[in-house]
Structures are given as structure tokens and as C-alpha cells.
Amino acid sequence: MTATPLLELSDVTVRLAGDDPGADAHKTVLDDINLTLAPGEALGLVGESGSGKSMTVRAVTRLLPPGSRLDGTISFDGEEVGAMDAGALRRYRDNGVGVVFQDPRAHISPTRRISAFLTEALIRNRGVRRKEAEARAAVVLAEVGIDDPVRRLRQHPHEISGGMLQRVMIASVLLAEPRLILADEPTTALDVTIQAEVVGILDRLRRERGLGMVFITHDLDLALAVCGRVAVMYAGQIIELRGATELHTRAAHPYTLGLLGSRPSIEQRAERLDAIRGRPVSAFEAGNGCAFAQRCAHVQPACHAVRPRLEPFHGGLVRCHRVTEINARETKS
């Protein structure tokens, strides 16, 4: 008997309203997204800016802009998120799913103490007394690596570093005791050393608490280190999905191969890094054919005419008309 996925996206397409309110000018930003996440699993979403990673988070949390259209279904533990009434949606956001944003200073009020930010939901939604809520907050702050947590609770956001403030953001999510964490580029604004510490905290707590996690990043190496599976996104689509180890060693889509080839190496000296030519496109710019066709070195006329489907290939899923031919060539070379 197959267990119910913790999170499941089936044929999800999102269109945002255009600038002209009198015209039906919706623009597609997510196109045919299919994903599942098991309890306790870490899934990476990787891609360039504009690929649809953060919009996927907004769709999962039902926080899309006004006028948006969502087709397909998003389910959490077997319950369709789009069909939730106000009460169920509030419980889902308060206790089911927690979001760690990339810039904590944009989401934590600079005029309130850390204690107010961390305890508000416990006091308001769960009826926890303030003293007990602060005690719980201090415990979780220590759990995410913040020293002297009682003193930190009395401070304002401007009194602590960016890395420490991101730990506060993680603590706020853990206090809600969610079953799913959506980490939306949580290390973007941090230096490399602090990045490693924050990612280590998220990964450790996920394992200890058995949480599902969707880890969103533009850093492919980071996703490979943290996640069991990785979905590569381009122009609002998933263009490759496979296990992290397999993606590192057996990537098949030309875009994924380009991302892997553009990384610097400590083992080889190079005058210049390889780069994927052209610019990334949004889903509404992609046209009828393959979204990557304008930048692909292997493009053929058919690639511009017919949109490829996400289909099984060598233990993963790949969206490419020529994947068999390209990989046969790569193997021979």
C-alpha cells in the first residue's frame, strides 16, 4: 500500500493577471508542474531567476497575487489546498506549512523585539501564556544555534547580524511545529560560512523532527548537498527531476548539463567558465516549442514547433525531444 504524499502538485499551471484590467491578458508563470514530497524528504528546486521557484511556494501556500488563475491541484496530506475553507486554510498555514524566506529583514518588523515576533502566533492562535511562549522561544533559539537566547529575545532586529536573524526566522517556523518547511533561498543574503551553518541547521532539524522540506535555491551544489531529489526548473517548467547523486553524475537535459558545466572547480584551472548562451525566458515568453530552444546548442527545427513532455529517462524525468540522441553522443565522447 502506497503512503499518501505529504505534498503533491498535479498539473499545476499558474497565470497572473496582466496590467490591463479590462483585457484577458493573463501571463503564464508556472506550466504543468507535477511534484510529490514524502514525509521527511528534502526536495530541491533549482533554476535561474524567473524560473518559477518562488512562485511555486506562493502557489503551495495559496498566496498568489490577486487575479491569479491556478489550474490543477495542490494537496497536503491528501487534502486539496484549493478547496480549504478559511478555517482549514488558517490551520494549514499556522501548523501544516512554514516558510523560511530569503531576506528575514523584509519579514520581521524592525520596531518590535524578537520576542514579540516569535511568540505572537503562540499567544494569539494557541492561547499560550506569554511567559510560557517566551520560554519555548528561548529553547528553540538555542536549538538553532543562538547563544544567550533570553537576552536575544529582548533585542530588536537591527541589533543582531543577518545570519543570526535568519536563525530567528527558522526558529519562528519551528515554533509552529509544521510538517512541511518551504525554504525559499534562505541563504541568498548570507556569506559562504554563514550559509553553511544555516543550511546545516535546517538539514539537522529536518532529520530530527521528520519534516518534509522543499529547498529552493539557484545554487545547484547546495541543492545536491542538502536534498535527496532535485527538480531543475526553467521558464516555469520542470525540465529534469532525479536523485541528487544521479543528477550530479548522470544529468541528461542540456540545460542541467550547462548548469553543471558552468560551476568553478577546485581541481581544474580554467581561464573562463563555460556559460549558457543567451538569457533565461519566462514561461509566457516560451512559445509553443521547447522553452530552452533559444539557448540550446542541440536545437533542431522540431524543438521550436512542439513542446516536449516530462518523460522517464535513465531513472529520472527529462523534458527534451533529443535527450536520447544527446546523451548517446555524450557517452561516446
Protein backbone atom coordinates (compact mmCIF):
# COMPACT_ATOMS: atom_id res chain seq x y z
CA MET A 1 0.00 0.00 0.00
CA THR A 2 1.46 3.36 -1.09
CA ALA A 3 1.65 6.04 1.60
CA THR A 4 -0.06 9.37 0.97
CA PRO A 5 2.47 12.03 -0.10
CA LEU A 6 2.87 14.90 2.33
CA LEU A 7 2.71 17.34 -0.61
CA GLU A 8 1.52 16.71 -4.14
CA LEU A 9 1.26 19.08 -7.10
CA SER A 10 -0.67 17.69 -10.08
CA ASP A 11 -0.71 19.52 -13.44
CA VAL A 12 -0.34 22.89 -11.73
CA THR A 13 -0.40 25.91 -14.02
CA VAL A 14 -0.47 29.49 -12.70
CA ARG A 15 -1.36 32.59 -14.71
CA LEU A 16 -1.02 36.12 -13.35
CA ALA A 17 -3.29 38.98 -14.29
CA GLY A 18 -1.90 41.49 -16.78
CA ASP A 19 -1.63 45.24 -16.35
CA ASP A 20 -4.84 45.98 -18.27
CA PRO A 21 -7.81 45.11 -16.01
CA GLY A 22 -10.21 45.25 -18.95
CA ALA A 23 -8.43 42.61 -21.01
CA ASP A 24 -7.90 38.89 -20.54
CA ALA A 25 -4.13 39.22 -20.57
CA HIS A 26 -3.10 36.60 -18.04
CA LYS A 27 0.55 35.56 -18.28
CA THR A 28 1.66 32.02 -17.55
CA VAL A 29 4.35 31.80 -14.85
CA LEU A 30 4.08 28.11 -13.92
CA ASP A 31 3.33 25.49 -16.54
CA ASP A 32 2.32 21.87 -15.89
CA ILE A 33 4.11 21.32 -12.57
CA ASN A 34 3.96 17.78 -11.17
CA LEU A 35 5.76 17.05 -7.90
CA THR A 36 5.42 14.82 -4.86
CA LEU A 37 7.15 15.06 -1.49
CA ALA A 38 7.16 12.26 1.06
CA PRO A 39 7.16 12.89 4.83
CA GLY A 40 10.74 13.52 5.98
CA GLU A 41 12.05 14.04 2.43
CA ALA A 42 14.10 17.01 1.19
CA LEU A 43 13.37 18.07 -2.38
CA GLY A 44 15.39 20.76 -4.14
CA LEU A 45 14.02 23.26 -6.67
CA VAL A 46 16.86 24.76 -8.73
CA GLY A 47 16.90 27.28 -11.54
CA GLU A 48 17.82 30.78 -12.63
CA SER A 49 15.86 33.84 -11.54
CA GLY A 50 12.39 33.84 -13.08
CA SER A 51 12.22 30.07 -13.47
CA GLY A 52 9.21 29.80 -11.16
CA LYS A 53 10.76 28.55 -7.93
CA SER A 54 9.33 31.19 -5.58
CA MET A 55 6.01 31.22 -7.44
CA THR A 56 5.74 27.51 -6.66
CA VAL A 57 5.99 28.39 -2.94
CA ARG A 58 3.28 31.02 -3.31
CA ALA A 59 1.03 28.51 -5.06
CA VAL A 60 1.55 25.90 -2.32
CA THR A 61 0.70 28.43 0.41
CA ARG A 62 -2.21 29.98 -1.55
CA LEU A 63 -0.56 33.38 -1.50
CA LEU A 64 -0.77 34.18 -5.20
CA PRO A 65 -1.37 37.79 -6.29
CA PRO A 66 -4.98 38.98 -6.73
CA GLY A 67 -6.49 38.00 -10.07
CA SER A 68 -4.27 34.93 -10.48
CA ARG A 69 -5.59 31.74 -12.00
CA LEU A 70 -4.46 28.33 -10.81
CA ASP A 71 -5.30 25.14 -12.73
CA GLY A 72 -4.51 21.68 -11.46
CA THR A 73 -4.47 20.56 -7.82
CA ILE A 74 -2.20 21.02 -4.81
CA SER A 75 -2.74 18.57 -1.95
CA PHE A 76 -1.30 18.48 1.56
CA ASP A 77 -1.55 15.13 3.31
CA GLY A 78 -4.36 14.15 0.93
CA GLU A 79 -6.42 17.34 1.40
CA GLU A 80 -6.74 19.72 -1.55
CA VAL A 81 -5.36 23.13 -0.58
CA GLY A 82 -7.55 24.97 -3.10
CA ALA A 83 -10.71 23.53 -1.53
CA MET A 84 -9.87 24.54 2.05
CA ASP A 85 -12.27 26.94 3.75
CA ALA A 86 -10.97 29.88 5.78
CA GLY A 87 -10.56 27.86 8.97
CA ALA A 88 -8.79 24.95 7.32
CA LEU A 89 -6.54 27.31 5.38
CA ARG A 90 -5.57 29.14 8.58
CA ARG A 91 -4.70 25.85 10.31
CA TYR A 92 -2.73 24.76 7.24
CA ARG A 93 -0.68 27.96 7.24
CA ASP A 94 -0.26 28.06 11.02
CA ASN A 95 0.60 24.42 11.67
CA GLY A 96 0.94 22.50 8.41
CA VAL A 97 3.46 24.50 6.44
CA GLY A 98 6.15 27.02 7.39
CA VAL A 99 8.10 29.30 5.07
CA VAL A 100 11.71 30.41 5.60
CA PHE A 101 12.17 33.47 3.38
CA GLN A 102 15.43 34.62 1.78
CA ASP A 103 15.51 38.07 3.42
CA PRO A 104 14.47 38.00 7.08
CA ARG A 105 14.73 41.78 7.44
CA ALA A 106 11.87 42.14 4.95
CA HIS A 107 9.61 39.91 7.06
CA ILE A 108 10.47 40.82 10.64
CA SER A 109 9.27 44.22 11.87
CA PRO A 110 12.23 46.44 12.82
CA THR A 111 10.17 48.18 15.52
CA ARG A 112 9.34 45.07 17.58
CA ARG A 113 11.52 42.92 19.79
CA ILE A 114 12.48 39.41 18.72
CA SER A 115 10.28 38.01 21.50
CA ALA A 116 7.17 39.65 20.01
CA PHE A 117 7.91 38.22 16.56
CA LEU A 118 8.44 34.69 17.89
CA THR A 119 5.62 34.48 20.42
CA GLU A 120 2.77 36.30 18.68
CA ALA A 121 1.36 33.24 16.92
CA LEU A 122 1.63 31.06 20.03
CA ILE A 123 -0.21 33.60 22.15
CA ARG A 124 -2.85 34.60 19.60
CA ASN A 125 -3.58 31.27 17.88
CA ARG A 126 -2.90 28.71 20.60
CA GLY A 127 -3.70 30.59 23.77
CA VAL A 128 -0.22 30.05 25.24
CA ARG A 129 0.59 32.39 28.12
CA ARG A 130 3.29 34.93 27.34
CA LYS A 131 5.78 33.61 29.89
CA GLU A 132 5.47 30.06 28.58
CA ALA A 133 5.65 31.26 24.95
CA GLU A 134 8.89 33.12 25.67
CA ALA A 135 10.32 30.05 27.39
CA ARG A 136 9.52 27.96 24.31
CA ALA A 137 11.04 30.60 22.06
CA ALA A 138 14.25 30.63 24.10
CA VAL A 139 14.54 26.83 23.79
CA VAL A 140 14.12 26.93 20.00
CA LEU A 141 16.58 29.82 19.64
CA ALA A 142 19.16 27.69 21.42
CA GLU A 143 18.25 24.79 19.14
CA VAL A 144 19.07 26.84 16.04
CA GLY A 145 22.44 27.87 17.46
CA ILE A 146 21.77 31.28 19.06
CA ASP A 147 23.73 31.87 22.24
CA ASP A 148 22.20 33.61 25.28
CA PRO A 149 18.66 33.27 23.86
CA VAL A 150 16.94 35.06 26.76
CA ARG A 151 18.95 38.19 26.04
CA ARG A 152 18.36 37.89 22.30
CA LEU A 153 14.60 37.85 22.87
CA ARG A 154 14.84 41.39 24.28
CA GLN A 155 16.73 42.73 21.26
CA HIS A 156 15.45 44.35 18.07
CA PRO A 157 16.33 43.02 14.59
CA HIS A 158 18.89 45.77 13.92
CA GLU A 159 20.88 44.64 16.97
CA ILE A 160 21.77 41.22 15.55
CA SER A 161 23.54 40.03 12.40
CA GLY A 162 21.90 38.82 9.20
CA GLY A 163 22.92 35.22 9.83
CA MET A 164 21.51 35.30 13.35
CA LEU A 165 18.32 36.92 12.09
CA GLN A 166 17.88 34.08 9.61
CA ARG A 167 18.17 31.69 12.54
CA VAL A 168 15.38 33.68 14.21
CA MET A 169 13.27 33.18 11.08
CA ILE A 170 13.92 29.43 11.21
CA ALA A 171 13.02 29.41 14.92
CA SER A 172 9.71 31.14 14.18
CA VAL A 173 8.85 28.37 11.70
CA LEU A 174 9.83 25.59 14.12
CA LEU A 175 7.73 27.09 16.93
CA ALA A 176 4.63 26.48 14.81
CA GLU A 177 5.59 22.77 14.65
CA PRO A 178 4.87 22.39 10.92
CA ARG A 179 5.12 19.15 9.00
CA LEU A 180 6.47 20.88 5.89
CA ILE A 181 9.12 23.60 5.52
CA LEU A 182 9.39 25.68 2.37
CA ALA A 183 12.89 27.18 2.42
CA ASP A 184 12.86 29.90 -0.25
CA GLU A 185 16.52 30.70 -0.96
CA PRO A 186 17.22 31.05 2.79
CA THR A 187 20.96 31.69 2.35
CA THR A 188 20.97 34.20 -0.53
CA ALA A 189 21.87 37.26 1.58
CA LEU A 190 24.49 35.48 3.71
CA ASP A 191 28.22 34.96 3.30
CA VAL A 192 29.51 31.49 2.50
CA THR A 193 30.44 30.48 6.06
CA ILE A 194 27.08 31.52 7.47
CA GLN A 195 25.33 29.85 4.54
CA ALA A 196 26.85 26.53 5.52
CA GLU A 197 25.77 26.97 9.14
CA VAL A 198 22.17 27.87 8.25
CA VAL A 199 21.84 25.00 5.78
CA GLY A 200 23.29 22.62 8.36
CA ILE A 201 20.72 23.75 10.91
CA LEU A 202 17.82 23.27 8.51
CA ASP A 203 19.02 19.83 7.45
CA ARG A 204 19.66 18.66 11.02
CA LEU A 205 16.29 19.81 12.30
CA ARG A 206 14.52 18.29 9.31
CA ARG A 207 16.07 14.93 10.08
CA GLU A 208 15.49 15.14 13.84
CA ARG A 209 11.84 16.18 13.51
CA GLY A 210 10.97 14.13 10.43
CA LEU A 211 9.88 17.20 8.46
CA GLY A 212 9.35 17.41 4.73
CA MET A 213 11.32 20.23 3.12
CA VAL A 214 11.27 21.94 -0.25
CA PHE A 215 14.63 23.69 -0.56
CA ILE A 216 14.64 26.43 -3.19
CA THR A 217 17.95 27.77 -4.46
CA HIS A 218 19.83 28.97 -7.54
CA ASP A 219 22.92 27.13 -6.20
CA LEU A 220 22.97 23.65 -7.71
CA ASP A 221 25.80 22.41 -5.49
CA LEU A 222 23.87 23.47 -2.39
CA ALA A 223 20.79 21.56 -3.51
CA LEU A 224 22.85 18.47 -4.29
CA ALA A 225 24.35 18.57 -0.79
CA VAL A 226 21.07 19.05 1.10
CA CYS A 227 18.40 17.21 -0.88
CA GLY A 228 17.64 13.62 -1.79
CA ARG A 229 15.99 14.62 -5.06
CA VAL A 230 16.35 17.75 -7.18
CA ALA A 231 13.95 19.28 -9.70
CA VAL A 232 15.54 21.65 -12.22
CA MET A 233 13.18 24.43 -13.35
CA TYR A 234 13.28 26.57 -16.46
CA ALA A 235 10.63 29.01 -17.76
CA GLY A 236 8.04 27.85 -15.24
CA GLN A 237 8.51 24.16 -16.07
CA ILE A 238 10.32 21.24 -14.51
CA ILE A 239 12.80 20.16 -17.17
CA GLU A 240 14.62 17.45 -15.17
CA LEU A 241 13.91 15.57 -11.96
CA ARG A 242 16.08 12.85 -10.43
CA GLY A 243 18.01 11.83 -7.32
CA ALA A 244 20.69 14.29 -6.24
CA THR A 245 23.57 11.85 -6.71
CA GLU A 246 22.27 10.81 -10.13
CA LEU A 247 21.78 14.43 -11.17
CA HIS A 248 25.42 15.11 -10.37
CA THR A 249 26.70 12.10 -12.29
CA ARG A 250 24.02 11.40 -14.93
CA ALA A 251 22.30 14.69 -15.73
CA ALA A 252 20.61 14.43 -19.13
CA HIS A 253 18.91 17.71 -20.10
CA PRO A 254 21.10 20.22 -22.00
CA TYR A 255 20.16 22.96 -19.51
CA THR A 256 21.14 20.86 -16.49
CA LEU A 257 24.38 19.88 -18.21
CA GLY A 258 25.01 23.58 -18.85
CA LEU A 259 24.46 24.45 -15.20
CA LEU A 260 26.83 21.70 -14.07
CA GLY A 261 29.43 22.77 -16.62
CA SER A 262 29.33 26.42 -15.55
CA ARG A 263 30.48 25.70 -11.98
CA PRO A 264 34.05 26.52 -10.94
CA SER A 265 36.23 23.57 -9.98
CA ILE A 266 38.98 23.38 -7.37
CA GLU A 267 40.55 20.53 -9.34
CA GLN A 268 40.92 22.19 -12.74
CA ARG A 269 42.28 25.56 -13.80
CA ALA A 270 40.29 27.46 -16.43
CA GLU A 271 40.71 30.90 -17.98
CA ARG A 272 36.94 31.29 -18.26
CA LEU A 273 33.97 29.33 -17.00
CA ASP A 274 31.61 27.83 -19.53
CA ALA A 275 28.35 29.75 -19.74
CA ILE A 276 24.92 29.03 -21.17
CA ARG A 277 24.43 31.42 -24.05
CA GLY A 278 21.52 33.83 -24.23
CA ARG A 279 19.19 34.88 -21.43
CA PRO A 280 16.60 32.95 -19.42
CA VAL A 281 12.98 33.40 -20.51
CA SER A 282 9.76 33.44 -18.51
CA ALA A 283 7.03 30.89 -19.11
CA PHE A 284 4.88 33.37 -21.04
CA GLU A 285 7.80 34.05 -23.42
CA ALA A 286 8.49 30.41 -24.16
CA GLY A 287 6.24 29.94 -27.19
CA ASN A 288 4.83 26.64 -28.41
CA GLY A 289 8.01 24.61 -28.56
CA CYS A 290 10.75 23.76 -26.06
CA ALA A 291 11.29 26.65 -23.64
CA PHE A 292 15.07 26.13 -23.77
CA ALA A 293 15.27 26.00 -27.58
CA GLN A 294 16.57 29.58 -27.97
CA ARG A 295 19.65 28.79 -25.86
CA CYS A 296 20.25 25.13 -26.65
CA ALA A 297 23.31 24.04 -28.63
CA HIS A 298 21.44 20.93 -29.82
CA VAL A 299 18.32 22.66 -31.13
CA GLN A 300 16.53 21.38 -34.25
CA PRO A 301 13.52 22.87 -36.09
CA ALA A 302 11.14 20.45 -34.33
CA CYS A 303 12.24 21.84 -30.96
CA HIS A 304 10.65 25.20 -31.84
CA ALA A 305 7.39 23.63 -33.00
CA VAL A 306 6.40 21.02 -30.40
CA ARG A 307 6.59 21.31 -26.61
CA PRO A 308 8.33 18.26 -25.11
CA ARG A 309 6.74 16.28 -22.28
CA LEU A 310 8.41 15.37 -18.99
CA GLU A 311 9.16 11.69 -19.57
CA PRO A 312 11.21 8.91 -17.90
CA PHE A 313 14.87 8.70 -18.86
CA HIS A 314 17.64 6.76 -17.09
CA GLY A 315 15.94 6.66 -13.69
CA GLY A 316 14.69 10.25 -13.75
CA LEU A 317 12.34 12.52 -15.68
CA VAL A 318 13.51 14.77 -18.53
CA ARG A 319 11.70 17.26 -20.79
CA CYS A 320 13.66 17.13 -24.07
CA HIS A 321 12.92 15.86 -27.61
CA ARG A 322 16.54 14.88 -28.27
CA VAL A 323 17.60 13.57 -24.86
CA THR A 324 18.37 10.04 -26.09
CA GLU A 325 20.48 11.25 -29.01
CA ILE A 326 22.32 13.90 -26.96
CA ASN A 327 23.22 11.51 -24.16
CA ALA A 328 24.30 8.78 -26.56
CA ARG A 329 26.70 11.33 -28.07
CA GLU A 330 27.94 12.43 -24.65
CA THR A 331 28.57 8.81 -23.64
CA LYS A 332 30.65 8.12 -26.76
CA SER A 333 32.71 11.27 -26.28
